[in-house]
PDB file of N, CA and C in Angstrom:
ATOM      1  N   MET A   1      16.778  10.989   1.573  1.00  0.00           N
ATOM      2  CA  MET A   1      17.179   9.891   0.680  1.00  0.00           C
ATOM      3  C   MET A   1      18.252  11.216   0.207  1.00  0.00           C
ATOM      4  N   GLY A   2      20.552  10.260   0.302  1.00  0.00           N
ATOM      5  CA  GLY A   2      20.654  11.652  -0.516  1.00  0.00           C
ATOM      6  C   GLY A   2      20.303  12.060  -2.163  1.00  0.00           C
ATOM      7  N   CYS A   3      19.365  11.227  -2.875  1.00  0.00           N
ATOM      8  CA  CYS A   3      19.115  11.600  -4.498  1.00  0.00           C
ATOM      9  C   CYS A   3      18.237  12.832  -4.066  1.00  0.00           C
ATOM     10  N   ALA A   4      17.150  12.424  -3.117  1.00  0.00           N
ATOM     11  CA  ALA A   4      16.334  13.882  -2.803  1.00  0.00           C
ATOM     12  C   ALA A   4      17.690  15.467  -1.846  1.00  0.00           C
ATOM     13  N   GLY A   5      18.387  14.859  -1.855  1.00  0.00           N
ATOM     14  CA  GLY A   5      19.345  16.174  -1.775  1.00  0.00           C
ATOM     15  C   GLY A   5      19.439  16.134  -0.066  1.00  0.00           C
ATOM     16  N   HIS A   6      19.340  15.177   0.888  1.00  0.00           N
ATOM     17  CA  HIS A   6      19.514  15.713   1.998  1.00  0.00           C
ATOM     18  C   HIS A   6      21.084  15.442   2.348  1.00  0.00           C
ATOM     19  N   PRO A   7      21.497  16.415   3.247  1.00  0.00           N
ATOM     20  CA  PRO A   7      23.176  16.751   3.436  1.00  0.00           C
ATOM     21  C   PRO A   7      23.873  15.508   4.307  1.00  0.00           C
ATOM     22  N   VAL A   8      23.106  15.180   5.057  1.00  0.00           N
ATOM     23  CA  VAL A   8      23.223  13.730   5.871  1.00  0.00           C
ATOM     24  C   VAL A   8      23.131  11.892   6.186  1.00  0.00           C
ATOM     25  N   ILE A   9      22.188  11.383   5.437  1.00  0.00           N
ATOM     26  CA  ILE A   9      21.723  10.191   5.240  1.00  0.00           C
ATOM     27  C   ILE A   9      21.908  10.002   3.724  1.00  0.00           C
ATOM     28  N   GLN A  10      22.643   8.686   4.080  1.00  0.00           N
ATOM     29  CA  GLN A  10      22.982   8.099   2.923  1.00  0.00           C
ATOM     30  C   GLN A  10      22.960   6.793   2.428  1.00  0.00           C
ATOM     31  N   THR A  11      21.848   7.417   1.362  1.00  0.00           N
ATOM     32  CA  THR A  11      21.073   6.262   0.640  1.00  0.00           C
ATOM     33  C   THR A  11      21.727   5.427  -0.783  1.00  0.00           C
ATOM     34  N   PRO A  12      22.510   4.640  -0.164  1.00  0.00           N
ATOM     35  CA  PRO A  12      23.423   4.525  -2.014  1.00  0.00           C
ATOM     36  C   PRO A  12      22.251   3.774  -3.071  1.00  0.00           C
ATOM     37  N   ALA A  13      21.810   2.578  -2.360  1.00  0.00           N
ATOM     38  CA  ALA A  13      21.189   1.908  -2.917  1.00  0.00           C
ATOM     39  C   ALA A  13      19.841   2.484  -4.194  1.00  0.00           C
ATOM     40  N   LEU A  14      18.933   3.318  -3.253  1.00  0.00           N
ATOM     41  CA  LEU A  14      18.325   4.220  -3.090  1.00  0.00           C
ATOM     42  C   LEU A  14      18.435   4.806  -4.404  1.00  0.00           C
ATOM     43  N   ASP A  15      19.528   5.602  -3.997  1.00  0.00           N
ATOM     44  CA  ASP A  15      20.674   6.453  -5.201  1.00  0.00           C
ATOM     45  C   ASP A  15      20.809   5.719  -6.012  1.00  0.00           C
ATOM     46  N   ARG A  16      21.078   4.840  -6.209  1.00  0.00           N
ATOM     47  CA  ARG A  16      21.047   4.315  -7.314  1.00  0.00           C
ATOM     48  C   ARG A  16      19.712   3.844  -8.149  1.00  0.00           C
ATOM     49  N   LEU A  17      18.784   3.291  -7.628  1.00  0.00           N
ATOM     50  CA  LEU A  17      17.777   2.856  -7.907  1.00  0.00           C
ATOM     51  C   LEU A  17      16.816   4.022  -8.587  1.00  0.00           C
ATOM     52  N   ALA A  18      17.066   4.966  -8.210  1.00  0.00           N
ATOM     53  CA  ALA A  18      16.490   6.786  -8.437  1.00  0.00           C
ATOM     54  C   ALA A  18      17.097   6.936  -9.607  1.00  0.00           C
ATOM     55  N   ARG A  19      18.428   7.205 -10.076  1.00  0.00           N
ATOM     56  CA  ARG A  19      19.651   6.918 -11.085  1.00  0.00           C
ATOM     57  C   ARG A  19      19.020   6.256 -12.203  1.00  0.00           C
ATOM     58  N   GLU A  20      18.845   5.522 -11.724  1.00  0.00           N
ATOM     59  CA  GLU A  20      18.836   3.573 -13.209  1.00  0.00           C
ATOM     60  C   GLU A  20      17.102   4.002 -13.265  1.00  0.00           C
ATOM     61  N   GLY A  21      16.629   4.682 -12.541  1.00  0.00           N
ATOM     62  CA  GLY A  21      14.690   3.596 -12.823  1.00  0.00           C
ATOM     63  C   GLY A  21      14.089   5.278 -12.508  1.00  0.00           C
ATOM     64  N   VAL A  22      13.610   5.510 -11.944  1.00  0.00           N
ATOM     65  CA  VAL A  22      12.734   6.657 -11.530  1.00  0.00           C
ATOM     66  C   VAL A  22      11.944   7.570 -10.566  1.00  0.00           C
ATOM     67  N   LEU A  23      12.741   8.737 -10.549  1.00  0.00           N
ATOM     68  CA  LEU A  23      12.352   9.745  -9.432  1.00  0.00           C
ATOM     69  C   LEU A  23      11.138  10.458  -9.043  1.00  0.00           C
ATOM     70  N   PHE A  24      10.397  10.619  -8.928  1.00  0.00           N
ATOM     71  CA  PHE A  24       9.143  11.154  -8.234  1.00  0.00           C
ATOM     72  C   PHE A  24       9.309  12.602  -7.784  1.00  0.00           C
ATOM     73  N   THR A  25       9.692  12.947  -7.542  1.00  0.00           N
ATOM     74  CA  THR A  25       9.480  14.754  -7.223  1.00  0.00           C
ATOM     75  C   THR A  25       7.758  15.266  -6.469  1.00  0.00           C
ATOM     76  N   LYS A  26       6.940  14.636  -7.286  1.00  0.00           N
ATOM     77  CA  LYS A  26       6.009  15.174  -6.885  1.00  0.00           C
ATOM     78  C   LYS A  26       4.855  13.932  -6.987  1.00  0.00           C
ATOM     79  N   ALA A  27       3.752  13.445  -6.454  1.00  0.00           N
ATOM     80  CA  ALA A  27       2.909  12.416  -6.629  1.00  0.00           C
ATOM     81  C   ALA A  27       1.764  12.474  -6.119  1.00  0.00           C
ATOM     82  N   TYR A  28       1.096  12.482  -7.054  1.00  0.00           N
ATOM     83  CA  TYR A  28      -0.881  12.888  -6.349  1.00  0.00           C
ATOM     84  C   TYR A  28      -1.434  11.306  -6.424  1.00  0.00           C
ATOM     85  N   CYS A  29      -2.392  11.641  -4.944  1.00  0.00           N
ATOM     86  CA  CYS A  29      -3.538  10.494  -5.698  1.00  0.00           C
ATOM     87  C   CYS A  29      -4.687  10.760  -5.658  1.00  0.00           C
ATOM     88  N   ALA A  30      -5.698  10.026  -6.146  1.00  0.00           N
ATOM     89  CA  ALA A  30      -6.598   9.413  -6.950  1.00  0.00           C
ATOM     90  C   ALA A  30      -7.825  10.452  -5.961  1.00  0.00           C
ATOM     91  N   PHE A  31      -7.946  10.107  -4.789  1.00  0.00           N
ATOM     92  CA  PHE A  31      -8.602  10.250  -3.999  1.00  0.00           C
ATOM     93  C   PHE A  31      -7.998  10.267  -2.297  1.00  0.00           C
ATOM     94  N   PRO A  32      -8.554  10.716  -1.191  1.00  0.00           N
ATOM     95  CA  PRO A  32      -7.842  10.511   0.118  1.00  0.00           C
ATOM     96  C   PRO A  32      -8.053   9.227   0.431  1.00  0.00           C
ATOM     97  N   LEU A  33      -8.707   8.341   0.017  1.00  0.00           N
ATOM     98  CA  LEU A  33      -8.690   7.286   0.957  1.00  0.00           C
ATOM     99  C   LEU A  33      -7.883   5.891   0.281  1.00  0.00           C
ATOM    100  N   CYS A  34      -7.213   4.941   0.843  1.00  0.00           N
ATOM    101  CA  CYS A  34      -7.071   4.105  -0.217  1.00  0.00           C
ATOM    102  C   CYS A  34      -7.141   3.152  -0.863  1.00  0.00           C
ATOM    103  N   ALA A  35      -8.202   2.558  -0.785  1.00  0.00           N
ATOM    104  CA  ALA A  35      -9.117   1.807  -1.714  1.00  0.00           C
ATOM    105  C   ALA A  35      -9.070   2.090  -2.855  1.00  0.00           C
ATOM    106  N   PRO A  36     -10.085   3.191  -3.227  1.00  0.00           N
ATOM    107  CA  PRO A  36     -10.512   4.091  -4.008  1.00  0.00           C
ATOM    108  C   PRO A  36      -9.281   4.489  -5.179  1.00  0.00           C
ATOM    109  N   THR A  37      -8.273   4.905  -4.478  1.00  0.00           N
ATOM    110  CA  THR A  37      -7.248   5.226  -4.779  1.00  0.00           C
ATOM    111  C   THR A  37      -6.330   3.997  -5.510  1.00  0.00           C
ATOM    112  N   ARG A  38      -6.580   2.271  -4.569  1.00  0.00           N
ATOM    113  CA  ARG A  38      -5.587   1.380  -5.446  1.00  0.00           C
ATOM    114  C   ARG A  38      -6.735   0.760  -6.457  1.00  0.00           C
ATOM    115  N   GLN A  39      -7.989   1.124  -6.754  1.00  0.00           N
ATOM    116  CA  GLN A  39      -8.854   0.913  -7.837  1.00  0.00           C
ATOM    117  C   GLN A  39      -8.364   1.867  -9.135  1.00  0.00           C
ATOM    118  N   SER A  40      -7.984   3.250  -8.557  1.00  0.00           N
ATOM    119  CA  SER A  40      -7.760   3.771  -9.831  1.00  0.00           C
ATOM    120  C   SER A  40      -5.958   3.244 -10.283  1.00  0.00           C
ATOM    121  N   ILE A  41      -5.099   2.807  -9.473  1.00  0.00           N
ATOM    122  CA  ILE A  41      -3.914   2.524  -9.974  1.00  0.00           C
ATOM    123  C   ILE A  41      -4.089   1.497 -10.599  1.00  0.00           C
ATOM    124  N   TYR A  42      -4.871   0.112 -10.307  1.00  0.00           N
ATOM    125  CA  TYR A  42      -5.149  -1.026 -10.777  1.00  0.00           C
ATOM    126  C   TYR A  42      -6.096  -0.799 -12.118  1.00  0.00           C
ATOM    127  N   THR A  43      -6.779   0.519 -12.460  1.00  0.00           N
ATOM    128  CA  THR A  43      -7.887   0.231 -13.637  1.00  0.00           C
ATOM    129  C   THR A  43      -7.379   1.862 -14.281  1.00  0.00           C
ATOM    130  N   GLY A  44      -6.191   2.316 -14.043  1.00  0.00           N
ATOM    131  CA  GLY A  44      -5.872   3.652 -14.942  1.00  0.00           C
ATOM    132  C   GLY A  44      -6.761   4.535 -15.081  1.00  0.00           C
ATOM    133  N   ARG A  45      -8.029   4.673 -13.905  1.00  0.00           N
ATOM    134  CA  ARG A  45      -9.303   5.182 -14.347  1.00  0.00           C
ATOM    135  C   ARG A  45      -9.676   6.448 -12.665  1.00  0.00           C
ATOM    136  N   TYR A  46     -10.185   7.367 -13.141  1.00  0.00           N
ATOM    137  CA  TYR A  46     -10.416   7.978 -11.762  1.00  0.00           C
ATOM    138  C   TYR A  46     -11.888   7.457 -11.104  1.00  0.00           C
ATOM    139  N   PRO A  47     -11.618   7.413  -9.749  1.00  0.00           N
ATOM    140  CA  PRO A  47     -13.170   7.196  -8.731  1.00  0.00           C
ATOM    141  C   PRO A  47     -14.032   7.606  -9.410  1.00  0.00           C
ATOM    142  N   ARG A  48     -14.364   8.323  -9.942  1.00  0.00           N
ATOM    143  CA  ARG A  48     -15.629   8.594 -10.678  1.00  0.00           C
ATOM    144  C   ARG A  48     -16.473   7.837 -12.103  1.00  0.00           C
ATOM    145  N   GLU A  49     -15.367   7.322 -11.916  1.00  0.00           N
ATOM    146  CA  GLU A  49     -15.185   6.497 -13.501  1.00  0.00           C
ATOM    147  C   GLU A  49     -15.221   4.625 -12.880  1.00  0.00           C
ATOM    148  N   HIS A  50     -14.626   4.578 -11.837  1.00  0.00           N
ATOM    149  CA  HIS A  50     -14.647   3.170 -11.708  1.00  0.00           C
ATOM    150  C   HIS A  50     -16.083   2.902 -10.842  1.00  0.00           C
ATOM    151  N   GLY A  51     -16.012   4.075  -9.834  1.00  0.00           N
ATOM    152  CA  GLY A  51     -17.404   4.256  -8.793  1.00  0.00           C
ATOM    153  C   GLY A  51     -16.695   3.565  -7.319  1.00  0.00           C
ATOM    154  N   GLN A  52     -16.245   3.930  -6.873  1.00  0.00           N
ATOM    155  CA  GLN A  52     -15.662   3.243  -5.886  1.00  0.00           C
ATOM    156  C   GLN A  52     -14.766   4.574  -5.030  1.00  0.00           C
ATOM    157  N   TYR A  53     -15.790   5.192  -4.218  1.00  0.00           N
ATOM    158  CA  TYR A  53     -15.992   6.332  -3.477  1.00  0.00           C
ATOM    159  C   TYR A  53     -15.248   5.980  -1.147  1.00  0.00           C
ATOM    160  N   LYS A  54     -15.224   4.806  -0.934  1.00  0.00           N
ATOM    161  CA  LYS A  54     -14.713   4.675   0.188  1.00  0.00           C
ATOM    162  C   LYS A  54     -15.140   3.464   0.051  1.00  0.00           C
ATOM    163  N   ASN A  55     -13.536   2.774   1.013  1.00  0.00           N
ATOM    164  CA  ASN A  55     -12.903   1.438   1.419  1.00  0.00           C
ATOM    165  C   ASN A  55     -13.813   0.386   1.984  1.00  0.00           C
ATOM    166  N   LEU A  56     -13.884  -0.976   1.767  1.00  0.00           N
ATOM    167  CA  LEU A  56     -14.558  -1.819   2.002  1.00  0.00           C
ATOM    168  C   LEU A  56     -15.931  -2.159   1.326  1.00  0.00           C
ATOM    169  N   LEU A  57     -15.753  -1.724  -0.398  1.00  0.00           N
ATOM    170  CA  LEU A  57     -16.437  -2.232  -1.301  1.00  0.00           C
ATOM    171  C   LEU A  57     -16.018  -3.092  -2.405  1.00  0.00           C
ATOM    172  N   LYS A  58     -16.645  -4.098  -2.585  1.00  0.00           N
ATOM    173  CA  LYS A  58     -16.639  -5.509  -3.009  1.00  0.00           C
ATOM    174  C   LYS A  58     -15.971  -4.505  -4.622  1.00  0.00           C
ATOM    175  N   PHE A  59     -14.868  -4.865  -5.146  1.00  0.00           N
ATOM    176  CA  PHE A  59     -14.411  -4.212  -6.299  1.00  0.00           C
ATOM    177  C   PHE A  59     -15.629  -4.741  -7.728  1.00  0.00           C
ATOM    178  N   ASN A  60     -15.854  -3.650  -8.316  1.00  0.00           N
ATOM    179  CA  ASN A  60     -16.899  -3.723  -9.275  1.00  0.00           C
ATOM    180  C   ASN A  60     -16.337  -4.332 -10.832  1.00  0.00           C
ATOM    181  N   GLU A  61     -16.602  -5.488 -11.285  1.00  0.00           N
ATOM    182  CA  GLU A  61     -15.471  -6.705 -11.871  1.00  0.00           C
ATOM    183  C   GLU A  61     -16.066  -5.624 -13.279  1.00  0.00           C
ATOM    184  N   LYS A  62     -16.721  -4.835 -13.615  1.00  0.00           N
ATOM    185  CA  LYS A  62     -16.795  -4.511 -14.784  1.00  0.00           C
ATOM    186  C   LYS A  62     -15.838  -3.464 -15.151  1.00  0.00           C
ATOM    187  N   ASN A  63     -14.860  -3.330 -13.809  1.00  0.00           N
ATOM    188  CA  ASN A  63     -13.849  -2.145 -14.437  1.00  0.00           C
ATOM    189  C   ASN A  63     -12.635  -2.843 -14.692  1.00  0.00           C
ATOM    190  N   LYS A  64     -12.014  -2.772 -16.085  1.00  0.00           N
ATOM    191  CA  LYS A  64     -10.909  -3.839 -16.155  1.00  0.00           C
ATOM    192  C   LYS A  64      -9.370  -3.504 -15.461  1.00  0.00           C
ATOM    193  N   THR A  65      -8.604  -4.544 -15.122  1.00  0.00           N
ATOM    194  CA  THR A  65      -8.121  -3.581 -14.807  1.00  0.00           C
ATOM    195  C   THR A  65      -6.404  -4.199 -15.157  1.00  0.00           C
ATOM    196  N   ARG A  66      -5.688  -3.250 -15.267  1.00  0.00           N
ATOM    197  CA  ARG A  66      -4.131  -3.627 -16.085  1.00  0.00           C
ATOM    198  C   ARG A  66      -3.731  -4.615 -16.085  1.00  0.00           C
ATOM    199  N   ALA A  67      -3.873  -5.784 -14.821  1.00  0.00           N
ATOM    200  CA  ALA A  67      -3.611  -7.147 -14.776  1.00  0.00           C
ATOM    201  C   ALA A  67      -4.270  -8.244 -16.347  1.00  0.00           C
ATOM    202  N   GLU A  68      -5.886  -7.619 -16.281  1.00  0.00           N
ATOM    203  CA  GLU A  68      -6.404  -8.777 -17.425  1.00  0.00           C
ATOM    204  C   GLU A  68      -5.398  -7.880 -18.797  1.00  0.00           C
ATOM    205  N   HIS A  69      -5.533  -6.302 -18.717  1.00  0.00           N
ATOM    206  CA  HIS A  69      -4.739  -6.566 -20.361  1.00  0.00           C
ATOM    207  C   HIS A  69      -3.462  -6.951 -20.165  1.00  0.00           C
ATOM    208  N   PHE A  70      -3.094  -6.897 -19.235  1.00  0.00           N
ATOM    209  CA  PHE A  70      -1.533  -7.933 -19.584  1.00  0.00           C
ATOM    210  C   PHE A  70      -1.630  -9.865 -20.096  1.00  0.00           C
ATOM    211  N   LYS A  71      -2.623  -9.878 -19.104  1.00  0.00           N
ATOM    212  CA  LYS A  71      -3.111 -11.807 -19.077  1.00  0.00           C
ATOM    213  C   LYS A  71      -3.560 -11.713 -20.723  1.00  0.00           C
ATOM    214  N   ARG A  72      -4.288 -10.754 -21.453  1.00  0.00           N
ATOM    215  CA  ARG A  72      -4.457 -11.115 -22.753  1.00  0.00           C
ATOM    216  C   ARG A  72      -3.363 -11.197 -23.778  1.00  0.00           C
ATOM    217  N   HIS A  73      -2.583  -9.900 -22.945  1.00  0.00           N
ATOM    218  CA  HIS A  73      -1.457 -10.206 -23.847  1.00  0.00           C
ATOM    219  C   HIS A  73      -0.511 -11.246 -23.970  1.00  0.00           C
ATOM    220  N   GLY A  74      -0.474 -12.524 -22.992  1.00  0.00           N
ATOM    221  CA  GLY A  74       0.136 -13.731 -22.490  1.00  0.00           C
ATOM    222  C   GLY A  74       1.175 -13.549 -21.525  1.00  0.00           C
ATOM    223  N   HIS A  75       1.120 -12.958 -20.280  1.00  0.00           N
ATOM    224  CA  HIS A  75       1.650 -12.678 -19.217  1.00  0.00           C
ATOM    225  C   HIS A  75       1.190 -13.089 -18.231  1.00  0.00           C
ATOM    226  N   TYR A  76       1.812 -13.442 -17.720  1.00  0.00           N
ATOM    227  CA  TYR A  76       0.950 -13.600 -16.137  1.00  0.00           C
ATOM    228  C   TYR A  76       1.500 -12.698 -15.289  1.00  0.00           C
ATOM    229  N   THR A  77       0.048 -12.543 -14.430  1.00  0.00           N
ATOM    230  CA  THR A  77       0.463 -11.216 -13.243  1.00  0.00           C
ATOM    231  C   THR A  77       0.035 -12.144 -12.021  1.00  0.00           C
ATOM    232  N   GLY A  78       0.197 -11.285 -10.947  1.00  0.00           N
ATOM    233  CA  GLY A  78      -0.468 -11.424  -9.669  1.00  0.00           C
ATOM    234  C   GLY A  78      -0.019 -10.202  -8.800  1.00  0.00           C
ATOM    235  N   VAL A  79      -0.413 -10.479  -7.482  1.00  0.00           N
ATOM    236  CA  VAL A  79      -1.163  -9.350  -6.213  1.00  0.00           C
ATOM    237  C   VAL A  79      -0.315 -10.114  -5.237  1.00  0.00           C
ATOM    238  N   ILE A  80       0.328  -9.171  -4.158  1.00  0.00           N
ATOM    239  CA  ILE A  80       0.953  -9.362  -3.175  1.00  0.00           C
ATOM    240  C   ILE A  80       0.899  -8.711  -2.439  1.00  0.00           C
ATOM    241  N   GLY A  81      -0.294  -8.554  -0.854  1.00  0.00           N
ATOM    242  CA  GLY A  81      -0.380  -8.044  -0.072  1.00  0.00           C
ATOM    243  C   GLY A  81      -1.556  -7.556   0.183  1.00  0.00           C
ATOM    244  N   LYS A  82      -1.661  -6.469   0.828  1.00  0.00           N
ATOM    245  CA  LYS A  82      -3.281  -6.152   1.629  1.00  0.00           C
ATOM    246  C   LYS A  82      -3.457  -5.045   0.290  1.00  0.00           C
ATOM    247  N   THR A  83      -4.867  -5.238  -0.403  1.00  0.00           N
ATOM    248  CA  THR A  83      -5.009  -4.387  -1.683  1.00  0.00           C
ATOM    249  C   THR A  83      -6.421  -3.385  -1.131  1.00  0.00           C
ATOM    250  N   HIS A  84      -7.039  -4.337  -0.134  1.00  0.00           N
ATOM    251  CA  HIS A  84      -8.358  -3.447  -0.161  1.00  0.00           C
ATOM    252  C   HIS A  84      -9.856  -3.248  -1.204  1.00  0.00           C
ATOM    253  N   THR A  85      -9.562  -4.235  -2.236  1.00  0.00           N
ATOM    254  CA  THR A  85     -10.162  -4.744  -3.211  1.00  0.00           C
ATOM    255  C   THR A  85     -11.852  -5.880  -2.989  1.00  0.00           C
ATOM    256  N   TYR A  86     -11.165  -7.014  -2.181  1.00  0.00           N
ATOM    257  CA  TYR A  86     -12.405  -7.413  -1.476  1.00  0.00           C
ATOM    258  C   TYR A  86     -12.141  -8.741  -3.345  1.00  0.00           C
ATOM    259  N   CYS A  87     -11.771  -8.532  -4.412  1.00  0.00           N
ATOM    260  CA  CYS A  87     -11.814  -9.558  -4.982  1.00  0.00           C
ATOM    261  C   CYS A  87     -12.316 -11.036  -4.994  1.00  0.00           C
ATOM    262  N   THR A  88     -13.073 -12.031  -5.765  1.00  0.00           N
ATOM    263  CA  THR A  88     -13.366 -12.941  -5.507  1.00  0.00           C
ATOM    264  C   THR A  88     -12.347 -13.919  -6.449  1.00  0.00           C
TER     265      THR A  88
END
């Protein structure tokens, strides 16, 4: 991407998004597997707190999500795509 300093590639839309939004220059995940990391994103908690250490586990409903917080405060939420949560 141009905003990351590439001398040839032109990415005007991504450059504008980076200028007007947030550009992460370093990012870390909570766990090396995707499902535990997603649970951390949804709950704001580390795997040692939410209990998911591998893929293919059903999401523990005791763990409250950010979506539930927003719903309690009058917002509508949704999720689209592959989530690896196995929620019911």
